[in-house]
Amino acid sequence: PLGNLLFYTNGCAIADWTHHIISYGDSLNIG
């Protein structure tokens, strides 16, 4: 809400504000 980066995605994984993949944040699009 105050404009600080939380997380982002490329459709495959979710990375946090430190740019590390969050726990269980991989394999968003299996196949």
Full PDB file with SEQRES, HELIX, SHEET, SSBOND, CRYST1, ORIGX, SCALE, CONECT and MASTER records, all heavy atoms in Angstrom:
SEQRES   1 A   31  PRO LEU GLY ASN LEU LEU PHE TYR THR ASN GLY CYS ALA          
SEQRES   2 A   31  ILE ALA ASP TRP THR HIS HIS ILE ILE SER TYR GLY ASP          
SEQRES   3 A   31  SER LEU ASN ILE GLY                                          
SHEET    1 AA1 2 PHE A   7  THR A   9  0                                        
SHEET    2 AA1 2 ILE A  14  ASP A  16 -1                                        
CRYST1    1.000    1.000    1.000  90.00  90.00  90.00 P 1           1          
ORIGX1      1.000000  0.000000  0.000000        0.00000                         
ORIGX2      0.000000  1.000000  0.000000        0.00000                         
ORIGX3      0.000000  0.000000  1.000000        0.00000                         
SCALE1      1.000000  0.000000  0.000000        0.00000                         
SCALE2      0.000000  1.000000  0.000000        0.00000                         
SCALE3      0.000000  0.000000  1.000000        0.00000                         
ATOM      1  N   PRO A   1       0.798  -1.230   0.000  1.00  0.00           N  
ATOM      2  CA  PRO A   1       0.000   0.000   0.000  1.00  0.00           C  
ATOM      3  C   PRO A   1       0.825   1.271   0.000  1.00  0.00           C  
ATOM      4  O   PRO A   1       0.381   2.304  -0.492  1.00  0.00           O  
ATOM      5  CB  PRO A   1      -0.816  -0.124   1.293  1.00  0.00           C  
ATOM      6  CG  PRO A   1      -0.884  -1.595   1.557  1.00  0.00           C  
ATOM      7  CD  PRO A   1       0.430  -2.140   1.096  1.00  0.00           C  
ATOM      8  N   LEU A   2       2.053   1.211   0.527  1.00  0.00           N  
ATOM      9  CA  LEU A   2       2.902   2.392   0.587  1.00  0.00           C  
ATOM     10  C   LEU A   2       3.899   2.454  -0.558  1.00  0.00           C  
ATOM     11  O   LEU A   2       4.779   3.307  -0.573  1.00  0.00           O  
ATOM     12  CB  LEU A   2       3.638   2.436   1.926  1.00  0.00           C  
ATOM     13  CG  LEU A   2       2.739   2.506   3.166  1.00  0.00           C  
ATOM     14  CD1 LEU A   2       3.572   2.541   4.432  1.00  0.00           C  
ATOM     15  CD2 LEU A   2       1.809   3.707   3.098  1.00  0.00           C  
ATOM     16  N   GLY A   3       3.787   1.537  -1.518  1.00  0.00           N  
ATOM     17  CA  GLY A   3       4.628   1.601  -2.698  1.00  0.00           C  
ATOM     18  C   GLY A   3       5.902   0.790  -2.631  1.00  0.00           C  
ATOM     19  O   GLY A   3       6.768   0.937  -3.491  1.00  0.00           O  
ATOM     20  N   ASN A   4       6.047  -0.084  -1.651  1.00  0.00           N  
ATOM     21  CA  ASN A   4       7.223  -0.946  -1.547  1.00  0.00           C  
ATOM     22  C   ASN A   4       6.987  -2.251  -2.295  1.00  0.00           C  
ATOM     23  O   ASN A   4       5.906  -2.837  -2.217  1.00  0.00           O  
ATOM     24  CB  ASN A   4       7.527  -1.249  -0.077  1.00  0.00           C  
ATOM     25  CG  ASN A   4       6.329  -1.872   0.642  1.00  0.00           C  
ATOM     26  OD1 ASN A   4       5.255  -1.272   0.687  1.00  0.00           O  
ATOM     27  ND2 ASN A   4       6.501  -3.058   1.198  1.00  0.00           N  
ATOM     28  N   LEU A   5       7.991  -2.698  -3.058  1.00  0.00           N  
ATOM     29  CA  LEU A   5       7.851  -3.922  -3.836  1.00  0.00           C  
ATOM     30  C   LEU A   5       7.555  -5.108  -2.922  1.00  0.00           C  
ATOM     31  O   LEU A   5       8.224  -5.314  -1.909  1.00  0.00           O  
ATOM     32  CB  LEU A   5       9.139  -4.193  -4.626  1.00  0.00           C  
ATOM     33  CG  LEU A   5       9.178  -5.497  -5.426  1.00  0.00           C  
ATOM     34  CD1 LEU A   5       8.128  -5.499  -6.525  1.00  0.00           C  
ATOM     35  CD2 LEU A   5      10.573  -5.729  -6.012  1.00  0.00           C  
ATOM     36  N   LEU A   6       6.547  -5.905  -3.302  1.00  0.00           N  
ATOM     37  CA  LEU A   6       6.213  -7.116  -2.553  1.00  0.00           C  
ATOM     38  C   LEU A   6       6.675  -8.364  -3.300  1.00  0.00           C  
ATOM     39  O   LEU A   6       7.518  -9.107  -2.827  1.00  0.00           O  
ATOM     40  CB  LEU A   6       4.699  -7.186  -2.300  1.00  0.00           C  
ATOM     41  CG  LEU A   6       4.109  -6.143  -1.365  1.00  0.00           C  
ATOM     42  CD1 LEU A   6       2.606  -6.347  -1.230  1.00  0.00           C  
ATOM     43  CD2 LEU A   6       4.780  -6.205   0.008  1.00  0.00           C  
ATOM     44  N   PHE A   7       6.113  -8.601  -4.487  1.00  0.00           N  
ATOM     45  CA  PHE A   7       6.520  -9.776  -5.262  1.00  0.00           C  
ATOM     46  C   PHE A   7       6.129  -9.562  -6.719  1.00  0.00           C  
ATOM     47  O   PHE A   7       5.395  -8.622  -7.065  1.00  0.00           O  
ATOM     48  CB  PHE A   7       5.911 -11.064  -4.704  1.00  0.00           C  
ATOM     49  CG  PHE A   7       4.407 -11.124  -4.704  1.00  0.00           C  
ATOM     50  CD1 PHE A   7       3.711 -11.658  -5.782  1.00  0.00           C  
ATOM     51  CD2 PHE A   7       3.666 -10.683  -3.609  1.00  0.00           C  
ATOM     52  CE1 PHE A   7       2.334 -11.737  -5.792  1.00  0.00           C  
ATOM     53  CE2 PHE A   7       2.277 -10.746  -3.605  1.00  0.00           C  
ATOM     54  CZ  PHE A   7       1.608 -11.275  -4.689  1.00  0.00           C  
ATOM     55  N   TYR A   8       6.613 -10.459  -7.575  1.00  0.00           N  
ATOM     56  CA  TYR A   8       6.330 -10.367  -9.004  1.00  0.00           C  
ATOM     57  C   TYR A   8       6.424 -11.754  -9.618  1.00  0.00           C  
ATOM     58  O   TYR A   8       6.930 -12.697  -8.993  1.00  0.00           O  
ATOM     59  CB  TYR A   8       7.288  -9.396  -9.695  1.00  0.00           C  
ATOM     60  CG  TYR A   8       8.768  -9.724  -9.545  1.00  0.00           C  
ATOM     61  CD1 TYR A   8       9.450 -10.400 -10.547  1.00  0.00           C  
ATOM     62  CD2 TYR A   8       9.470  -9.344  -8.412  1.00  0.00           C  
ATOM     63  CE1 TYR A   8      10.807 -10.690 -10.428  1.00  0.00           C  
ATOM     64  CE2 TYR A   8      10.825  -9.636  -8.272  1.00  0.00           C  
ATOM     65  CZ  TYR A   8      11.484 -10.300  -9.279  1.00  0.00           C  
ATOM     66  OH  TYR A   8      12.817 -10.593  -9.149  1.00  0.00           O  
ATOM     67  N   THR A   9       5.930 -11.888 -10.854  1.00  0.00           N  
ATOM     68  CA  THR A   9       5.920 -13.197 -11.501  1.00  0.00           C  
ATOM     69  C   THR A   9       6.123 -13.056 -12.996  1.00  0.00           C  
ATOM     70  O   THR A   9       5.805 -12.021 -13.588  1.00  0.00           O  
ATOM     71  CB  THR A   9       4.590 -13.932 -11.240  1.00  0.00           C  
ATOM     72  OG1 THR A   9       4.645 -15.250 -11.809  1.00  0.00           O  
ATOM     73  CG2 THR A   9       3.419 -13.185 -11.873  1.00  0.00           C  
ATOM     74  N   ASN A  10       6.665 -14.108 -13.586  1.00  0.00           N  
ATOM     75  CA  ASN A  10       6.761 -14.216 -15.050  1.00  0.00           C  
ATOM     76  C   ASN A  10       5.856 -15.326 -15.575  1.00  0.00           C  
ATOM     77  O   ASN A  10       6.019 -15.782 -16.700  1.00  0.00           O  
ATOM     78  CB  ASN A  10       8.205 -14.467 -15.474  1.00  0.00           C  
ATOM     79  CG  ASN A  10       8.755 -15.783 -14.935  1.00  0.00           C  
ATOM     80  OD1 ASN A  10       8.104 -16.474 -14.149  1.00  0.00           O  
ATOM     81  ND2 ASN A  10       9.956 -16.135 -15.356  1.00  0.00           N  
ATOM     82  N   GLY A  11       4.900 -15.750 -14.751  1.00  0.00           N  
ATOM     83  CA  GLY A  11       3.984 -16.815 -15.142  1.00  0.00           C  
ATOM     84  C   GLY A  11       4.489 -18.201 -14.822  1.00  0.00           C  
ATOM     85  O   GLY A  11       3.745 -19.177 -14.961  1.00  0.00           O  
ATOM     86  N   CYS A  12       5.751 -18.292 -14.398  1.00  0.00           N  
ATOM     87  CA  CYS A  12       6.344 -19.586 -14.057  1.00  0.00           C  
ATOM     88  C   CYS A  12       6.670 -19.686 -12.574  1.00  0.00           C  
ATOM     89  O   CYS A  12       6.569 -20.752 -11.971  1.00  0.00           O  
ATOM     90  CB  CYS A  12       7.627 -19.801 -14.857  1.00  0.00           C  
ATOM     91  SG  CYS A  12       7.379 -19.864 -16.635  1.00  0.00           S  
ATOM     92  N   ALA A  13       7.104 -18.571 -11.993  1.00  0.00           N  
ATOM     93  CA  ALA A  13       7.515 -18.556 -10.596  1.00  0.00           C  
ATOM     94  C   ALA A  13       7.187 -17.198  -9.994  1.00  0.00           C  
ATOM     95  O   ALA A  13       6.939 -16.214 -10.704  1.00  0.00           O  
ATOM     96  CB  ALA A  13       9.010 -18.845 -10.460  1.00  0.00           C  
ATOM     97  N   ILE A  14       7.191 -17.136  -8.656  1.00  0.00           N  
ATOM     98  CA  ILE A  14       6.950 -15.898  -7.926  1.00  0.00           C  
ATOM     99  C   ILE A  14       8.218 -15.552  -7.164  1.00  0.00           C  
ATOM    100  O   ILE A  14       8.739 -16.369  -6.402  1.00  0.00           O  
ATOM    101  CB  ILE A  14       5.784 -16.050  -6.925  1.00  0.00           C  
ATOM    102  CG1 ILE A  14       4.511 -16.486  -7.653  1.00  0.00           C  
ATOM    103  CG2 ILE A  14       5.549 -14.738  -6.174  1.00  0.00           C  
ATOM    104  CD1 ILE A  14       3.363 -16.826  -6.712  1.00  0.00           C  
ATOM    105  N   ALA A  15       8.726 -14.342  -7.376  1.00  0.00           N  
ATOM    106  CA  ALA A  15       9.905 -13.859  -6.663  1.00  0.00           C  
ATOM    107  C   ALA A  15       9.494 -12.739  -5.713  1.00  0.00           C  
ATOM    108  O   ALA A  15       8.598 -11.948  -6.020  1.00  0.00           O  
ATOM    109  CB  ALA A  15      10.969 -13.366  -7.646  1.00  0.00           C  
ATOM    110  N   ASP A  16      10.171 -12.665  -4.556  1.00  0.00           N  
ATOM    111  CA  ASP A  16       9.813 -11.645  -3.573  1.00  0.00           C  
ATOM    112  C   ASP A  16      10.638 -10.379  -3.777  1.00  0.00           C  
ATOM    113  O   ASP A  16      11.376 -10.232  -4.752  1.00  0.00           O  
ATOM    114  CB  ASP A  16       9.967 -12.191  -2.151  1.00  0.00           C  
ATOM    115  CG  ASP A  16      11.414 -12.562  -1.803  1.00  0.00           C  
ATOM    116  OD1 ASP A  16      12.337 -12.163  -2.552  1.00  0.00           O  
ATOM    117  OD2 ASP A  16      11.622 -13.239  -0.789  1.00  0.00           O  
ATOM    118  N   TRP A  17      10.540  -9.457  -2.835  1.00  0.00           N  
ATOM    119  CA  TRP A  17      11.206  -8.162  -2.976  1.00  0.00           C  
ATOM    120  C   TRP A  17      12.725  -8.279  -2.905  1.00  0.00           C  
ATOM    121  O   TRP A  17      13.444  -7.365  -3.338  1.00  0.00           O  
ATOM    122  CB  TRP A  17      10.708  -7.209  -1.892  1.00  0.00           C  
ATOM    123  CG  TRP A  17      10.982  -7.684  -0.488  1.00  0.00           C  
ATOM    124  CD1 TRP A  17      10.236  -8.568   0.229  1.00  0.00           C  
ATOM    125  CD2 TRP A  17      12.080  -7.309   0.340  1.00  0.00           C  
ATOM    126  NE1 TRP A  17      10.799  -8.787   1.467  1.00  0.00           N  
ATOM    127  CE2 TRP A  17      11.928  -8.013   1.566  1.00  0.00           C  
ATOM    128  CE3 TRP A  17      13.162  -6.459   0.187  1.00  0.00           C  
ATOM    129  CZ2 TRP A  17      12.830  -7.878   2.614  1.00  0.00           C  
ATOM    130  CZ3 TRP A  17      14.063  -6.331   1.240  1.00  0.00           C  
ATOM    131  CH2 TRP A  17      13.888  -7.028   2.420  1.00  0.00           C  
ATOM    132  N   THR A  18      13.236  -9.412  -2.403  1.00  0.00           N  
ATOM    133  CA  THR A  18      14.677  -9.646  -2.416  1.00  0.00           C  
ATOM    134  C   THR A  18      15.102 -10.380  -3.683  1.00  0.00           C  
ATOM    135  O   THR A  18      16.281 -10.691  -3.844  1.00  0.00           O  
ATOM    136  CB  THR A  18      15.116 -10.471  -1.193  1.00  0.00           C  
ATOM    137  OG1 THR A  18      14.602 -11.810  -1.308  1.00  0.00           O  
ATOM    138  CG2 THR A  18      14.614  -9.838   0.100  1.00  0.00           C  
ATOM    139  N   HIS A  19      14.135 -10.674  -4.557  1.00  0.00           N  
ATOM    140  CA  HIS A  19      14.342 -11.336  -5.853  1.00  0.00           C  
ATOM    141  C   HIS A  19      14.668 -12.819  -5.712  1.00  0.00           C  
ATOM    142  O   HIS A  19      15.240 -13.418  -6.624  1.00  0.00           O  
ATOM    143  CB  HIS A  19      15.423 -10.620  -6.665  1.00  0.00           C  
ATOM    144  CG  HIS A  19      15.152  -9.151  -6.811  1.00  0.00           C  
ATOM    145  ND1 HIS A  19      14.050  -8.663  -7.477  1.00  0.00           N  
ATOM    146  CD2 HIS A  19      15.822  -8.068  -6.344  1.00  0.00           C  
ATOM    147  CE1 HIS A  19      14.061  -7.339  -7.423  1.00  0.00           C  
ATOM    148  NE2 HIS A  19      15.116  -6.953  -6.746  1.00  0.00           N  
ATOM    149  N   HIS A  20      14.299 -13.407  -4.600  1.00  0.00           N  
ATOM    150  CA  HIS A  20      14.404 -14.851  -4.426  1.00  0.00           C  
ATOM    151  C   HIS A  20      13.033 -15.491  -4.643  1.00  0.00           C  
ATOM    152  O   HIS A  20      11.993 -14.894  -4.310  1.00  0.00           O  
ATOM    153  CB  HIS A  20      14.918 -15.192  -3.019  1.00  0.00           C  
ATOM    154  CG  HIS A  20      16.340 -14.788  -2.789  1.00  0.00           C  
ATOM    155  ND1 HIS A  20      16.680 -13.575  -2.224  1.00  0.00           N  
ATOM    156  CD2 HIS A  20      17.505 -15.416  -3.059  1.00  0.00           C  
ATOM    157  CE1 HIS A  20      17.993 -13.476  -2.142  1.00  0.00           C  
ATOM    158  NE2 HIS A  20      18.525 -14.582  -2.655  1.00  0.00           N  
ATOM    159  N   ILE A  21      13.021 -16.705  -5.195  1.00  0.00           N  
ATOM    160  CA  ILE A  21      11.760 -17.426  -5.382  1.00  0.00           C  
ATOM    161  C   ILE A  21      11.183 -17.748  -4.009  1.00  0.00           C  
ATOM    162  O   ILE A  21      11.871 -18.292  -3.139  1.00  0.00           O  
ATOM    163  CB  ILE A  21      11.976 -18.727  -6.170  1.00  0.00           C  
ATOM    164  CG1 ILE A  21      12.690 -18.433  -7.504  1.00  0.00           C  
ATOM    165  CG2 ILE A  21      10.645 -19.408  -6.419  1.00  0.00           C  
ATOM    166  CD1 ILE A  21      11.954 -17.494  -8.404  1.00  0.00           C  
ATOM    167  N   ILE A  22       9.927 -17.397  -3.777  1.00  0.00           N  
ATOM    168  CA  ILE A  22       9.332 -17.634  -2.476  1.00  0.00           C  
ATOM    169  C   ILE A  22       9.059 -19.123  -2.289  1.00  0.00           C  
ATOM    170  O   ILE A  22       9.031 -19.896  -3.250  1.00  0.00           O  
ATOM    171  CB  ILE A  22       8.037 -16.824  -2.291  1.00  0.00           C  
ATOM    172  CG1 ILE A  22       6.930 -17.352  -3.201  1.00  0.00           C  
ATOM    173  CG2 ILE A  22       8.280 -15.347  -2.568  1.00  0.00           C  
ATOM    174  CD1 ILE A  22       5.582 -16.659  -2.979  1.00  0.00           C  
ATOM    175  N   SER A  23       8.873 -19.533  -1.056  1.00  0.00           N  
ATOM    176  CA  SER A  23       8.628 -20.933  -0.749  1.00  0.00           C  
ATOM    177  C   SER A  23       7.379 -21.418  -1.475  1.00  0.00           C  
ATOM    178  O   SER A  23       6.315 -20.792  -1.389  1.00  0.00           O  
ATOM    179  CB  SER A  23       8.453 -21.097   0.763  1.00  0.00           C  
ATOM    180  OG  SER A  23       8.228 -22.440   1.101  1.00  0.00           O  
ATOM    181  N   TYR A  24       7.508 -22.516  -2.217  1.00  0.00           N  
ATOM    182  CA  TYR A  24       6.444 -23.100  -3.041  1.00  0.00           C  
ATOM    183  C   TYR A  24       6.010 -22.150  -4.166  1.00  0.00           C  
ATOM    184  O   TYR A  24       4.937 -22.317  -4.731  1.00  0.00           O  
ATOM    185  CB  TYR A  24       5.229 -23.479  -2.193  1.00  0.00           C  
ATOM    186  CG  TYR A  24       5.557 -24.452  -1.084  1.00  0.00           C  
ATOM    187  CD1 TYR A  24       5.568 -24.023   0.242  1.00  0.00           C  
ATOM    188  CD2 TYR A  24       5.876 -25.773  -1.358  1.00  0.00           C  
ATOM    189  CE1 TYR A  24       5.888 -24.888   1.269  1.00  0.00           C  
ATOM    190  CE2 TYR A  24       6.194 -26.650  -0.339  1.00  0.00           C  
ATOM    191  CZ  TYR A  24       6.206 -26.202   0.970  1.00  0.00           C  
ATOM    192  OH  TYR A  24       6.537 -27.061   1.980  1.00  0.00           O  
ATOM    193  N   GLY A  25       6.856 -21.176  -4.497  1.00  0.00           N  
ATOM    194  CA  GLY A  25       6.507 -20.211  -5.522  1.00  0.00           C  
ATOM    195  C   GLY A  25       6.925 -20.605  -6.926  1.00  0.00           C  
ATOM    196  O   GLY A  25       6.774 -19.814  -7.860  1.00  0.00           O  
ATOM    197  N   ASP A  26       7.442 -21.823  -7.085  1.00  0.00           N  
ATOM    198  CA  ASP A  26       7.806 -22.268  -8.429  1.00  0.00           C  
ATOM    199  C   ASP A  26       6.661 -23.099  -9.027  1.00  0.00           C  
ATOM    200  O   ASP A  26       5.626 -23.297  -8.398  1.00  0.00           O  
ATOM    201  CB  ASP A  26       9.097 -23.096  -8.388  1.00  0.00           C  
ATOM    202  CG  ASP A  26       8.967 -24.302  -7.479  1.00  0.00           C  
ATOM    203  OD1 ASP A  26       7.946 -24.412  -6.753  1.00  0.00           O  
ATOM    204  OD2 ASP A  26       9.878 -25.146  -7.477  1.00  0.00           O  
ATOM    205  N   SER A  27       6.839 -23.548 -10.253  1.00  0.00           N  
ATOM    206  CA  SER A  27       5.893 -24.456 -10.925  1.00  0.00           C  
ATOM    207  C   SER A  27       4.469 -23.902 -10.958  1.00  0.00           C  
ATOM    208  O   SER A  27       3.498 -24.616 -10.689  1.00  0.00           O  
ATOM    209  CB  SER A  27       5.893 -25.829 -10.231  1.00  0.00           C  
ATOM    210  OG  SER A  27       7.184 -26.379 -10.216  1.00  0.00           O  
ATOM    211  N   LEU A  28       4.334 -22.620 -11.311  1.00  0.00           N  
ATOM    212  CA  LEU A  28       2.989 -22.056 -11.442  1.00  0.00           C  
ATOM    213  C   LEU A  28       2.275 -22.666 -12.639  1.00  0.00           C  
ATOM    214  O   LEU A  28       1.068 -22.876 -12.604  1.00  0.00           O  
ATOM    215  CB  LEU A  28       3.061 -20.538 -11.623  1.00  0.00           C  
ATOM    216  CG  LEU A  28       3.475 -19.708 -10.410  1.00  0.00           C  
ATOM    217  CD1 LEU A  28       3.337 -18.232 -10.732  1.00  0.00           C  
ATOM    218  CD2 LEU A  28       2.635 -20.056  -9.193  1.00  0.00           C  
ATOM    219  N   ASN A  29       3.007 -22.914 -13.697  1.00  0.00           N  
ATOM    220  CA  ASN A  29       2.412 -23.459 -14.914  1.00  0.00           C  
ATOM    221  C   ASN A  29       3.111 -24.765 -15.263  1.00  0.00           C  
ATOM    222  O   ASN A  29       4.060 -24.792 -16.038  1.00  0.00           O  
ATOM    223  CB  ASN A  29       2.525 -22.454 -16.064  1.00  0.00           C  
ATOM    224  CG  ASN A  29       1.257 -21.656 -16.258  1.00  0.00           C  
ATOM    225  OD1 ASN A  29       0.187 -22.223 -16.475  1.00  0.00           O  
ATOM    226  ND2 ASN A  29       1.367 -20.338 -16.161  1.00  0.00           N  
ATOM    227  N   ILE A  30       2.650 -25.838 -14.640  1.00  0.00           N  
ATOM    228  CA  ILE A  30       3.239 -27.137 -14.922  1.00  0.00           C  
ATOM    229  C   ILE A  30       2.716 -27.644 -16.264  1.00  0.00           C  
ATOM    230  O   ILE A  30       1.619 -27.296 -16.698  1.00  0.00           O  
ATOM    231  CB  ILE A  30       2.922 -28.147 -13.799  1.00  0.00           C  
ATOM    232  CG1 ILE A  30       1.409 -28.275 -13.607  1.00  0.00           C  
ATOM    233  CG2 ILE A  30       3.587 -27.717 -12.503  1.00  0.00           C  
ATOM    234  CD1 ILE A  30       1.027 -29.310 -12.569  1.00  0.00           C  
ATOM    235  N   GLY A  31       3.516 -28.441 -16.921  1.00  0.00           N  
ATOM    236  CA  GLY A  31       3.136 -28.953 -18.223  1.00  0.00           C  
ATOM    237  C   GLY A  31       4.270 -28.793 -19.218  1.00  0.00           C  
ATOM    238  O   GLY A  31       5.327 -28.234 -18.920  1.00  0.00           O  
TER     239      GLY A  31                                                      
MASTER        0    0    0    0    2    0    0    6  238    1    0    3          
END                                                                             
